[in-house]
N, C-alpha and C. Protein backbone atom coordinates (compact mmCIF):
# COMPACT_ATOMS: atom_id res chain seq x y z
N MET A 1 -10.79 -13.57 -4.30
CA MET A 1 -10.62 -14.34 -5.52
C MET A 1 -11.40 -15.64 -5.43
N VAL A 2 -11.45 -16.23 -4.24
CA VAL A 2 -12.21 -17.47 -4.06
C VAL A 2 -13.68 -17.22 -4.30
N ARG A 3 -14.16 -16.07 -3.84
CA ARG A 3 -15.55 -15.71 -4.03
C ARG A 3 -15.88 -15.66 -5.52
N PHE A 4 -14.95 -15.14 -6.31
CA PHE A 4 -15.16 -15.04 -7.74
C PHE A 4 -15.30 -16.42 -8.37
N TRP A 5 -14.41 -17.35 -8.00
CA TRP A 5 -14.48 -18.69 -8.60
C TRP A 5 -15.74 -19.43 -8.16
N LEU A 6 -16.17 -19.19 -6.92
CA LEU A 6 -17.43 -19.80 -6.49
C LEU A 6 -18.59 -19.25 -7.30
N TRP A 7 -18.53 -17.94 -7.60
CA TRP A 7 -19.60 -17.34 -8.40
C TRP A 7 -19.61 -17.92 -9.81
N ILE A 8 -18.42 -18.11 -10.40
CA ILE A 8 -18.33 -18.70 -11.74
C ILE A 8 -18.85 -20.13 -11.72
N TRP A 9 -18.47 -20.89 -10.69
CA TRP A 9 -18.91 -22.27 -10.61
C TRP A 9 -20.43 -22.32 -10.47
N GLN A 10 -20.99 -21.46 -9.62
CA GLN A 10 -22.44 -21.44 -9.43
C GLN A 10 -23.14 -21.02 -10.72
N PHE A 11 -22.58 -20.04 -11.42
CA PHE A 11 -23.18 -19.58 -12.66
C PHE A 11 -23.19 -20.69 -13.70
N ALA A 12 -22.08 -21.41 -13.82
CA ALA A 12 -21.98 -22.49 -14.79
C ALA A 12 -22.86 -23.67 -14.37
N TYR A 13 -22.99 -23.90 -13.07
CA TYR A 13 -23.78 -25.02 -12.59
C TYR A 13 -25.28 -24.77 -12.77
N VAL A 14 -25.71 -23.55 -12.46
CA VAL A 14 -27.14 -23.23 -12.54
C VAL A 14 -27.61 -23.24 -13.97
N ASP A 15 -26.83 -22.68 -14.87
CA ASP A 15 -27.25 -22.61 -16.26
C ASP A 15 -26.17 -23.26 -17.12
N GLY A 16 -26.21 -24.57 -17.19
CA GLY A 16 -25.20 -25.31 -17.92
C GLY A 16 -25.30 -25.12 -19.41
N ARG A 17 -26.43 -24.59 -19.91
CA ARG A 17 -26.59 -24.42 -21.34
C ARG A 17 -25.82 -23.20 -21.85
N LYS A 18 -25.40 -22.32 -20.94
CA LYS A 18 -24.65 -21.13 -21.37
C LYS A 18 -23.34 -21.58 -22.00
N SER A 19 -22.95 -20.86 -22.98
CA SER A 19 -21.70 -21.23 -23.67
C SER A 19 -20.50 -20.86 -22.81
N HIS A 20 -19.42 -21.50 -23.10
CA HIS A 20 -18.18 -21.26 -22.38
C HIS A 20 -17.73 -19.81 -22.58
N GLU A 21 -18.01 -19.24 -23.73
CA GLU A 21 -17.59 -17.87 -24.01
C GLU A 21 -18.27 -16.88 -23.07
N VAL A 22 -19.51 -17.12 -22.71
CA VAL A 22 -20.23 -16.23 -21.80
C VAL A 22 -19.57 -16.25 -20.43
N VAL A 23 -19.24 -17.43 -19.95
CA VAL A 23 -18.59 -17.55 -18.65
C VAL A 23 -17.24 -16.86 -18.67
N VAL A 24 -16.48 -17.07 -19.73
CA VAL A 24 -15.16 -16.45 -19.84
C VAL A 24 -15.29 -14.93 -19.92
N SER A 25 -16.29 -14.44 -20.65
CA SER A 25 -16.46 -12.99 -20.76
C SER A 25 -16.83 -12.38 -19.42
N HIS A 26 -17.68 -13.06 -18.65
CA HIS A 26 -18.01 -12.56 -17.31
C HIS A 26 -16.78 -12.54 -16.41
N ARG A 27 -15.98 -13.62 -16.50
CA ARG A 27 -14.76 -13.68 -15.69
C ARG A 27 -13.80 -12.57 -16.09
N THR A 28 -13.63 -12.33 -17.38
CA THR A 28 -12.73 -11.29 -17.87
C THR A 28 -13.23 -9.91 -17.44
N THR A 29 -14.52 -9.67 -17.54
CA THR A 29 -15.09 -8.38 -17.14
C THR A 29 -14.87 -8.15 -15.65
N TRP A 30 -15.11 -9.17 -14.84
CA TRP A 30 -14.92 -9.03 -13.40
C TRP A 30 -13.46 -8.75 -13.07
N PHE A 31 -12.54 -9.48 -13.75
CA PHE A 31 -11.12 -9.31 -13.46
C PHE A 31 -10.65 -7.91 -13.87
N CYS A 32 -11.13 -7.41 -15.00
CA CYS A 32 -10.76 -6.05 -15.43
C CYS A 32 -11.27 -5.02 -14.44
N THR A 33 -12.48 -5.21 -13.94
CA THR A 33 -13.03 -4.30 -12.94
C THR A 33 -12.21 -4.36 -11.66
N TYR A 34 -11.82 -5.55 -11.26
CA TYR A 34 -11.00 -5.72 -10.06
C TYR A 34 -9.67 -5.01 -10.22
N LEU A 35 -9.00 -5.18 -11.36
CA LEU A 35 -7.73 -4.51 -11.61
C LEU A 35 -7.89 -3.00 -11.63
N ARG A 36 -8.96 -2.52 -12.25
CA ARG A 36 -9.21 -1.08 -12.31
C ARG A 36 -9.39 -0.52 -10.90
N ASN A 37 -10.12 -1.24 -10.05
CA ASN A 37 -10.31 -0.78 -8.68
C ASN A 37 -9.00 -0.76 -7.91
N CYS A 38 -8.16 -1.77 -8.11
CA CYS A 38 -6.85 -1.80 -7.44
C CYS A 38 -5.99 -0.64 -7.90
N LYS A 39 -5.99 -0.38 -9.20
CA LYS A 39 -5.19 0.74 -9.72
C LYS A 39 -5.68 2.07 -9.16
N MET A 40 -6.99 2.24 -9.09
CA MET A 40 -7.54 3.49 -8.57
C MET A 40 -7.20 3.64 -7.09
N LYS A 41 -7.23 2.55 -6.34
CA LYS A 41 -6.90 2.61 -4.91
C LYS A 41 -5.46 3.06 -4.72
N TRP A 42 -4.54 2.49 -5.50
CA TRP A 42 -3.13 2.88 -5.39
C TRP A 42 -2.91 4.29 -5.89
N ALA A 43 -3.63 4.68 -6.94
CA ALA A 43 -3.50 6.05 -7.45
C ALA A 43 -3.97 7.05 -6.41
N ASN A 44 -5.05 6.74 -5.71
CA ASN A 44 -5.53 7.63 -4.65
C ASN A 44 -4.54 7.73 -3.51
N ARG A 45 -3.92 6.61 -3.13
CA ARG A 45 -2.92 6.64 -2.06
C ARG A 45 -1.73 7.50 -2.45
N ILE A 46 -1.25 7.32 -3.68
CA ILE A 46 -0.11 8.10 -4.14
C ILE A 46 -0.46 9.58 -4.21
N GLN A 47 -1.68 9.89 -4.66
CA GLN A 47 -2.10 11.28 -4.73
C GLN A 47 -2.15 11.92 -3.34
N LYS A 48 -2.63 11.19 -2.34
CA LYS A 48 -2.67 11.73 -0.99
C LYS A 48 -1.25 11.97 -0.45
N ILE A 49 -0.33 11.05 -0.74
CA ILE A 49 1.05 11.21 -0.29
C ILE A 49 1.68 12.44 -0.94
N VAL A 50 1.46 12.61 -2.24
CA VAL A 50 2.03 13.75 -2.95
C VAL A 50 1.46 15.06 -2.41
N GLU A 51 0.16 15.08 -2.13
CA GLU A 51 -0.45 16.29 -1.56
C GLU A 51 0.14 16.60 -0.19
N GLY A 52 0.38 15.58 0.62
CA GLY A 52 0.98 15.79 1.94
C GLY A 52 2.39 16.34 1.83
N VAL A 53 3.17 15.79 0.91
CA VAL A 53 4.54 16.29 0.72
C VAL A 53 4.51 17.73 0.23
N ARG A 54 3.61 18.03 -0.69
CA ARG A 54 3.52 19.39 -1.23
C ARG A 54 3.11 20.37 -0.12
N ASN A 55 2.17 19.99 0.71
CA ASN A 55 1.74 20.87 1.80
C ASN A 55 2.88 21.09 2.81
N THR A 56 3.63 20.03 3.10
CA THR A 56 4.76 20.16 4.03
C THR A 56 5.83 21.08 3.46
N LYS A 57 6.12 20.90 2.16
CA LYS A 57 7.11 21.77 1.51
C LYS A 57 6.67 23.23 1.55
N ASN A 58 5.40 23.46 1.23
CA ASN A 58 4.90 24.84 1.25
C ASN A 58 4.93 25.42 2.66
N TRP A 59 4.65 24.59 3.65
CA TRP A 59 4.65 25.08 5.03
C TRP A 59 6.07 25.44 5.47
N LEU A 60 7.04 24.58 5.12
CA LEU A 60 8.42 24.85 5.50
C LEU A 60 9.00 26.04 4.75
N LEU A 61 8.77 26.11 3.45
CA LEU A 61 9.34 27.19 2.66
C LEU A 61 8.58 28.50 2.84
N GLY A 62 7.37 28.43 3.34
CA GLY A 62 6.60 29.65 3.58
C GLY A 62 7.08 30.41 4.79
N ARG A 63 7.89 29.78 5.62
CA ARG A 63 8.42 30.41 6.81
C ARG A 63 9.94 30.43 6.69
N GLN A 64 10.48 31.55 6.22
CA GLN A 64 11.91 31.64 5.96
C GLN A 64 12.73 31.42 7.23
N GLY A 65 12.28 31.97 8.33
CA GLY A 65 13.03 31.82 9.57
C GLY A 65 13.12 30.38 10.01
N LEU A 66 12.03 29.63 9.87
CA LEU A 66 12.02 28.23 10.28
C LEU A 66 12.94 27.40 9.40
N ALA A 67 12.90 27.62 8.10
CA ALA A 67 13.78 26.88 7.19
C ALA A 67 15.24 27.18 7.50
N MET A 68 15.57 28.45 7.76
CA MET A 68 16.95 28.81 8.08
C MET A 68 17.38 28.19 9.41
N ALA A 69 16.49 28.15 10.39
CA ALA A 69 16.81 27.54 11.68
C ALA A 69 17.09 26.05 11.54
N VAL A 70 16.30 25.36 10.74
CA VAL A 70 16.50 23.93 10.53
C VAL A 70 17.84 23.69 9.84
N ILE A 71 18.15 24.51 8.84
CA ILE A 71 19.43 24.35 8.14
C ILE A 71 20.60 24.61 9.08
N MET A 72 20.51 25.64 9.90
CA MET A 72 21.59 25.94 10.84
C MET A 72 21.75 24.84 11.88
N LEU A 73 20.63 24.27 12.34
CA LEU A 73 20.69 23.17 13.29
C LEU A 73 21.39 21.96 12.67
N LEU A 74 21.02 21.62 11.45
CA LEU A 74 21.67 20.49 10.78
C LEU A 74 23.15 20.76 10.55
N LEU A 75 23.50 21.99 10.21
CA LEU A 75 24.91 22.34 10.03
C LEU A 75 25.68 22.23 11.34
N ALA A 76 25.08 22.66 12.45
CA ALA A 76 25.73 22.57 13.75
C ALA A 76 25.93 21.12 14.17
N VAL A 77 24.93 20.28 13.92
CA VAL A 77 25.06 18.85 14.26
C VAL A 77 26.17 18.22 13.43
N PHE A 78 26.23 18.56 12.16
CA PHE A 78 27.27 18.00 11.29
C PHE A 78 28.66 18.47 11.71
N MET A 79 28.78 19.73 12.03
CA MET A 79 30.09 20.24 12.45
C MET A 79 30.50 19.65 13.80
N HIS A 80 29.54 19.42 14.69
CA HIS A 80 29.85 18.77 15.98
C HIS A 80 30.32 17.34 15.73
N TRP A 81 29.68 16.67 14.79
CA TRP A 81 30.06 15.31 14.45
C TRP A 81 31.49 15.28 13.89
N LEU A 82 31.89 16.32 13.12
CA LEU A 82 33.25 16.41 12.60
C LEU A 82 34.26 16.78 13.67
N GLY A 83 33.82 17.34 14.79
CA GLY A 83 34.73 17.65 15.89
C GLY A 83 35.06 19.12 16.03
N TYR A 84 34.37 20.00 15.37
CA TYR A 84 34.67 21.42 15.47
C TYR A 84 34.22 22.01 16.80
N PHE A 85 33.19 21.43 17.42
CA PHE A 85 32.66 21.98 18.66
C PHE A 85 32.94 21.09 19.86
N SER A 86 33.97 20.29 19.77
CA SER A 86 34.32 19.40 20.89
C SER A 86 35.26 20.11 21.86
N HIS A 87 35.42 19.54 23.04
CA HIS A 87 36.32 20.14 24.04
C HIS A 87 37.74 19.90 23.66
């Protein structure tokens, strides 16, 4: 952000005859581009996370035996926690 303000200051200093509207329009254009890039970066991150979750779900559900084993393990841990498998 500091780099942007230095650029605006340099632009206004070098060509002082430019109208204030031109400087404001350049600043607005740069800020919109910056926001668009930030949004795209976050959208790409979210898309990668969703793809990873989808691949994990497909991998787990594609193997019926593995999914059943995980469920049985969780059930056994829960029942042990309740005291069904204690001495």
